[in-house]
Amino acid sequence: MSEMTFNDCLATALKSEELVSEWDRLTGYRLRALGQRSPIDKMVDDATGFGGAKGSEIAGEFIAFVFDYLWFPLAGVSDE
């Protein structure tokens, strides 16, 4: 079996309903909803500043979270 890559780690994290739900609760974001918005939701989000670049920022924050708190420990990397 091949070693896990960061992309594998990220995909596994995104599949974890509990992890995403708790991350949303702690950050106040709706990560899961970013890819599941209806056209009217997208228009409202864009008008209120939640969509577009904000969605990319939210995804970027989740990726950074996974990298720092899941990937580093799994890969045995130390930031010291």
C-alpha atoms as a PDB file:
ATOM      1  CA  MET A   1       0.000   0.000   0.000  1.00  0.00           C
ATOM      2  CA  SER A   2       1.355   3.423  -0.888  1.00  0.00           C
ATOM      3  CA  GLU A   3       1.873   6.172   1.652  1.00  0.00           C
ATOM      4  CA  MET A   4      -0.805   8.770   2.242  1.00  0.00           C
ATOM      5  CA  THR A   5      -0.319  12.076   0.461  1.00  0.00           C
ATOM      6  CA  PHE A   6      -1.549  15.448   1.671  1.00  0.00           C
ATOM      7  CA  ASN A   7      -4.330  15.286  -0.937  1.00  0.00           C
ATOM      8  CA  ASP A   8      -5.423  11.933   0.518  1.00  0.00           C
ATOM      9  CA  CYS A   9      -5.419  13.462   4.001  1.00  0.00           C
ATOM     10  CA  LEU A  10      -7.451  16.450   2.817  1.00  0.00           C
ATOM     11  CA  ALA A  11      -9.971  14.252   0.989  1.00  0.00           C
ATOM     12  CA  THR A  12     -10.393  12.090   4.093  1.00  0.00           C
ATOM     13  CA  ALA A  13     -10.882  15.182   6.260  1.00  0.00           C
ATOM     14  CA  LEU A  14     -13.546  16.525   3.896  1.00  0.00           C
ATOM     15  CA  LYS A  15     -15.386  13.188   4.044  1.00  0.00           C
ATOM     16  CA  SER A  16     -15.551  13.370   7.843  1.00  0.00           C
ATOM     17  CA  GLU A  17     -18.961  14.838   8.660  1.00  0.00           C
ATOM     18  CA  GLU A  18     -17.997  15.267  12.316  1.00  0.00           C
ATOM     19  CA  LEU A  19     -14.723  17.068  11.563  1.00  0.00           C
ATOM     20  CA  VAL A  20     -16.302  19.460   9.055  1.00  0.00           C
ATOM     21  CA  SER A  21     -19.299  20.070  11.318  1.00  0.00           C
ATOM     22  CA  GLU A  22     -17.087  20.882  14.310  1.00  0.00           C
ATOM     23  CA  TRP A  23     -14.798  23.074  12.184  1.00  0.00           C
ATOM     24  CA  ASP A  24     -17.864  24.968  10.942  1.00  0.00           C
ATOM     25  CA  ARG A  25     -19.128  25.345  14.513  1.00  0.00           C
ATOM     26  CA  LEU A  26     -15.800  26.643  15.801  1.00  0.00           C
ATOM     27  CA  THR A  27     -15.150  29.013  12.893  1.00  0.00           C
ATOM     28  CA  GLY A  28     -18.722  30.103  12.172  1.00  0.00           C
ATOM     29  CA  TYR A  29     -18.341  29.070   8.524  1.00  0.00           C
ATOM     30  CA  ARG A  30     -20.379  26.670   6.403  1.00  0.00           C
ATOM     31  CA  LEU A  31     -17.687  24.755   4.532  1.00  0.00           C
ATOM     32  CA  ARG A  32     -19.952  21.933   3.384  1.00  0.00           C
ATOM     33  CA  ALA A  33     -22.479  24.431   2.029  1.00  0.00           C
ATOM     34  CA  LEU A  34     -19.940  26.060  -0.302  1.00  0.00           C
ATOM     35  CA  GLY A  35     -20.291  23.332  -2.913  1.00  0.00           C
ATOM     36  CA  GLN A  36     -23.998  22.719  -2.391  1.00  0.00           C
ATOM     37  CA  ARG A  37     -25.530  26.140  -2.874  1.00  0.00           C
ATOM     38  CA  SER A  38     -28.535  26.666  -5.090  1.00  0.00           C
ATOM     39  CA  PRO A  39     -28.415  29.489  -7.652  1.00  0.00           C
ATOM     40  CA  ILE A  40     -30.479  31.764  -5.383  1.00  0.00           C
ATOM     41  CA  ASP A  41     -28.188  30.993  -2.432  1.00  0.00           C
ATOM     42  CA  LYS A  42     -25.180  31.863  -4.588  1.00  0.00           C
ATOM     43  CA  MET A  43     -26.745  35.201  -5.544  1.00  0.00           C
ATOM     44  CA  VAL A  44     -27.500  36.040  -1.904  1.00  0.00           C
ATOM     45  CA  ASP A  45     -24.022  34.937  -0.817  1.00  0.00           C
ATOM     46  CA  ASP A  46     -22.404  37.027  -3.545  1.00  0.00           C
ATOM     47  CA  ALA A  47     -24.503  40.056  -2.587  1.00  0.00           C
ATOM     48  CA  THR A  48     -23.600  39.694   1.104  1.00  0.00           C
ATOM     49  CA  GLY A  49     -19.929  38.926   0.539  1.00  0.00           C
ATOM     50  CA  PHE A  50     -20.068  35.257   1.505  1.00  0.00           C
ATOM     51  CA  GLY A  51     -19.524  33.811  -1.979  1.00  0.00           C
ATOM     52  CA  GLY A  52     -16.705  34.204  -4.478  1.00  0.00           C
ATOM     53  CA  ALA A  53     -13.417  35.194  -2.895  1.00  0.00           C
ATOM     54  CA  LYS A  54     -14.829  34.621   0.585  1.00  0.00           C
ATOM     55  CA  GLY A  55     -15.582  31.015  -0.346  1.00  0.00           C
ATOM     56  CA  SER A  56     -11.999  30.588  -1.537  1.00  0.00           C
ATOM     57  CA  GLU A  57     -10.734  32.109   1.718  1.00  0.00           C
ATOM     58  CA  ILE A  58     -12.860  29.695   3.758  1.00  0.00           C
ATOM     59  CA  ALA A  59     -11.584  26.721   1.754  1.00  0.00           C
ATOM     60  CA  GLY A  60      -8.027  27.992   2.165  1.00  0.00           C
ATOM     61  CA  GLU A  61      -8.461  28.239   5.931  1.00  0.00           C
ATOM     62  CA  PHE A  62      -9.737  24.653   6.083  1.00  0.00           C
ATOM     63  CA  ILE A  63      -6.810  23.448   3.962  1.00  0.00           C
ATOM     64  CA  ALA A  64      -4.383  25.267   6.285  1.00  0.00           C
ATOM     65  CA  PHE A  65      -6.126  23.702   9.305  1.00  0.00           C
ATOM     66  CA  VAL A  66      -5.808  20.209   7.841  1.00  0.00           C
ATOM     67  CA  PHE A  67      -2.166  20.848   6.944  1.00  0.00           C
ATOM     68  CA  ASP A  68      -1.226  22.157  10.398  1.00  0.00           C
ATOM     69  CA  TYR A  69      -3.307  19.945  12.668  1.00  0.00           C
ATOM     70  CA  LEU A  70      -3.771  16.697  10.754  1.00  0.00           C
ATOM     71  CA  TRP A  71      -1.046  16.397   8.126  1.00  0.00           C
ATOM     72  CA  PHE A  72       1.925  17.495  10.259  1.00  0.00           C
ATOM     73  CA  PRO A  73       1.133  15.049  13.074  1.00  0.00           C
ATOM     74  CA  LEU A  74       0.385  12.205  10.636  1.00  0.00           C
ATOM     75  CA  ALA A  75       3.544  12.835   8.650  1.00  0.00           C
ATOM     76  CA  GLY A  76       5.624  13.207  11.807  1.00  0.00           C
ATOM     77  CA  VAL A  77       6.712  16.717  10.855  1.00  0.00           C
ATOM     78  CA  SER A  78       7.730  19.157  13.559  1.00  0.00           C
ATOM     79  CA  ASP A  79       7.506  22.908  13.107  1.00  0.00           C
ATOM     80  CA  GLU A  80      10.356  23.478  15.565  1.00  0.00           C
END
